[in-house]
Protein backbone atom coordinates (compact mmCIF):
# COMPACT_ATOMS: atom_id res chain seq x y z
CA MET A 1 -61.29 71.30 90.87
CA THR A 2 -62.29 70.81 94.46
CA ASP A 3 -60.37 68.59 96.97
CA GLN A 4 -63.32 66.26 97.20
CA HIS A 5 -63.29 65.86 93.11
CA ILE A 6 -59.57 64.98 93.35
CA LEU A 7 -60.25 62.52 96.19
CA ASN A 8 -63.01 60.87 94.26
CA ARG A 9 -60.73 60.59 91.26
CA LEU A 10 -57.90 59.16 93.15
CA ALA A 11 -60.26 56.54 94.79
CA GLN A 12 -61.52 55.64 91.41
CA LEU A 13 -57.97 55.06 90.20
CA GLU A 14 -57.02 53.09 93.19
CA ALA A 15 -59.99 50.85 92.79
CA VAL A 16 -59.21 50.15 89.04
CA ASN A 17 -55.73 49.23 90.16
CA GLU A 18 -56.86 46.91 92.96
CA ILE A 19 -59.39 45.19 90.61
CA ARG A 20 -56.61 44.80 88.09
CA HIS A 21 -54.37 43.21 90.90
CA CYS A 22 -57.21 40.82 91.93
CA LEU A 23 -57.60 39.44 88.46
CA THR A 24 -54.00 39.24 87.73
CA ARG A 25 -53.47 37.16 91.03
CA TYR A 26 -56.30 34.94 89.96
CA MET A 27 -54.54 34.31 86.62
CA GLU A 28 -51.23 33.70 88.33
CA ILE A 29 -52.72 31.14 90.52
CA CYS A 30 -54.51 29.45 87.68
CA ASP A 31 -51.34 29.41 85.67
CA GLY A 32 -49.68 27.16 88.39
CA LEU A 33 -52.81 25.24 89.46
CA ASN A 34 -51.70 21.85 91.00
CA ALA A 35 -51.84 19.85 94.26
CA ASN A 36 -49.80 22.37 96.05
CA THR A 37 -52.05 25.50 95.21
CA ASP A 38 -53.19 27.43 98.14
CA LEU A 39 -56.97 27.29 97.63
CA ASP A 40 -57.62 29.61 100.39
CA GLU A 41 -55.65 32.37 98.76
CA LEU A 42 -57.50 31.77 95.49
CA MET A 43 -60.94 31.63 97.21
CA ALA A 44 -60.03 35.02 98.98
CA LEU A 45 -60.39 36.59 95.59
CA PHE A 46 -64.10 35.80 95.61
CA SER A 47 -67.11 37.03 97.58
CA GLU A 48 -68.90 34.45 99.74
CA LYS A 49 -71.94 34.46 97.26
CA ALA A 50 -69.79 34.70 94.07
CA ILE A 51 -70.89 33.01 90.93
CA TRP A 52 -68.31 31.37 88.49
CA GLU A 53 -69.60 30.37 85.10
CA GLY A 54 -68.82 29.46 81.61
CA ILE A 55 -71.33 31.14 79.18
CA GLY A 56 -72.10 30.61 75.50
CA GLU A 57 -72.55 27.36 74.03
CA ARG A 58 -68.94 25.90 74.33
CA TYR A 59 -68.16 27.14 77.89
CA SER A 60 -71.59 26.65 79.45
CA LYS A 61 -71.26 22.84 78.48
CA ALA A 62 -67.58 22.46 79.39
CA PHE A 63 -67.54 24.47 82.76
CA GLY A 64 -71.06 24.98 83.84
CA ARG A 65 -72.15 27.26 86.56
CA TYR A 66 -70.92 27.40 90.25
CA GLU A 67 -72.89 29.48 92.77
CA GLY A 68 -71.18 30.21 96.20
CA LYS A 69 -67.59 30.18 97.40
CA ALA A 70 -67.81 26.42 98.44
CA LYS A 71 -68.84 25.18 94.99
CA ILE A 72 -66.35 27.36 93.20
CA ALA A 73 -63.70 25.89 95.49
CA ALA A 74 -64.76 22.34 94.84
CA MET A 75 -64.48 23.08 91.03
CA PHE A 76 -61.02 24.26 91.41
CA GLU A 77 -60.08 21.38 93.64
CA SER A 78 -60.84 19.08 90.72
CA TYR A 79 -57.85 20.51 88.94
CA MET A 80 -55.57 20.26 91.97
CA ARG A 81 -53.96 16.87 91.48
CA LYS A 82 -50.55 15.46 92.14
CA ASP A 83 -50.13 15.01 88.42
CA ALA A 84 -51.27 18.40 87.63
CA HIS A 85 -53.96 18.75 84.98
CA PHE A 86 -51.85 21.38 83.20
CA THR A 87 -48.23 20.95 82.42
CA LEU A 88 -48.08 24.31 81.03
CA ASN A 89 -50.87 27.10 81.40
CA ALA A 90 -50.37 30.71 80.58
CA HIS A 91 -53.19 33.28 80.54
CA PHE A 92 -52.68 36.65 78.72
CA LEU A 93 -55.07 39.48 79.33
CA ASN A 94 -55.71 42.50 77.04
CA SER A 95 -58.38 45.11 76.04
CA GLU A 96 -59.11 45.92 79.54
CA ASN A 97 -62.11 47.95 80.45
CA ILE A 98 -62.89 48.52 84.17
CA GLN A 99 -65.79 50.66 85.29
CA VAL A 100 -66.21 51.55 88.91
CA GLN A 101 -69.57 52.79 90.41
CA GLY A 102 -69.17 53.24 94.06
CA GLN A 103 -68.75 49.87 95.91
CA GLN A 104 -69.31 47.85 92.67
CA ALA A 105 -67.43 47.55 89.34
CA VAL A 106 -67.50 45.59 86.05
CA GLY A 107 -64.36 44.58 84.24
CA LYS A 108 -64.11 43.18 80.71
CA TRP A 109 -61.05 41.60 79.14
CA LEU A 110 -59.97 39.54 76.16
CA MET A 111 -57.88 36.55 77.18
CA LEU A 112 -55.55 34.27 75.39
CA GLN A 113 -54.69 30.91 77.07
CA THR A 114 -51.90 28.51 76.07
CA SER A 115 -52.12 25.09 77.72
CA ALA A 116 -50.37 21.74 77.65
CA PHE A 117 -52.06 18.85 79.59
CA HIS A 118 -50.65 16.01 81.72
CA GLN A 119 -52.68 13.54 79.68
CA GLY A 120 -51.14 14.92 76.53
CA GLY A 121 -51.97 17.47 73.91
CA ALA A 122 -52.06 21.25 73.94
CA HIS A 123 -54.49 23.93 73.32
CA PHE A 124 -54.75 27.61 72.18
CA THR A 125 -57.82 29.33 73.47
CA SER A 126 -59.31 32.87 73.41
CA ALA A 127 -62.22 33.98 75.69
CA LYS A 128 -64.19 37.14 76.61
CA LEU A 129 -64.14 37.73 80.34
CA HIS A 130 -67.01 39.65 81.95
CA ILE A 131 -66.39 40.02 85.73
CA ASP A 132 -68.40 41.84 88.39
CA PHE A 133 -66.43 43.01 91.44
CA GLY A 134 -67.60 44.12 94.90
CA LEU A 135 -65.85 46.12 97.72
CA THR A 136 -65.84 43.98 100.99
CA SER A 137 -66.35 45.42 104.43
CA ASP A 138 -62.56 45.35 104.86
CA ASN A 139 -62.07 47.40 101.81
CA ARG A 140 -60.92 44.65 99.43
CA TRP A 141 -62.04 44.27 95.76
CA VAL A 142 -63.26 40.70 95.10
CA MET A 143 -65.02 38.99 92.37
CA THR A 144 -68.71 38.61 92.74
CA HIS A 145 -69.62 37.15 89.24
CA PHE A 146 -67.00 35.66 86.83
CA ARG A 147 -68.14 34.91 83.46
CA THR A 148 -65.91 33.46 80.56
CA GLU A 149 -67.12 33.06 77.06
CA ASN A 150 -65.16 31.13 74.46
CA ILE A 151 -64.22 32.96 71.19
CA PHE A 152 -62.22 30.15 69.83
CA SER A 153 -60.23 27.09 70.83
CA ARG A 154 -57.64 25.13 68.80
CA THR A 155 -55.70 22.02 69.53
CA VAL A 156 -52.01 22.43 68.79
CA SER A 157 -49.38 19.71 68.81
CA HIS A 158 -47.09 21.41 71.26
CA TRP A 159 -45.81 24.60 72.72
CA SER A 160 -42.15 24.33 73.36
CA ASP A 161 -39.29 22.41 71.69
CA GLN A 162 -35.62 22.30 71.99
CA GLN A 163 -34.79 23.96 68.66
CA ASP A 164 -32.37 26.87 68.86
CA LEU A 165 -33.93 30.24 68.86
CA PRO A 166 -33.65 32.18 65.50
CA VAL A 167 -31.46 35.21 66.34
CA PRO A 168 -29.25 37.19 64.04
CA GLN A 169 -25.71 36.22 63.77
CA GLN A 170 -23.29 38.73 65.38
CA SER A 171 -20.17 39.67 63.52
CA ALA A 172 -16.65 39.10 65.17
CA ALA A 173 -16.24 42.94 65.54
CA ASN A 174 -19.07 43.05 68.24
């Protein structure tokens, strides 16, 4: 194995890790989306000409397509209210597959999302994420095309209650 081969493999591993961190930060911000969200930090995760879209019958209708950073920002601003749209929002990512080719990459994930809403109600949702990434001139990986496609969505009554957690009883000897 040559030194150049090792350096190429290291660059590939670093790219995958940075892409993973980009999407993780995106999800963290979305989990806490409210009037105090730093929209500039969120938009820094996208390229200037990025596309964000819901695909498939359900999500193309619900979310639509936004081309360019300004239109993506406006879409997110609609969620940034004093009385936050989400009272609880948690994204869970799995089945990750990231392929890097030079200065471009494609990532695919399965996502579960649990949400409760300010207006009432709660939801359990699953989606396929297909995201293209690009390397910026200052060597940051950003999203260039974010696609989300619904697998299922289900209304639930609530996510959290005050009941005691079911844990085994400990004996007095412990």
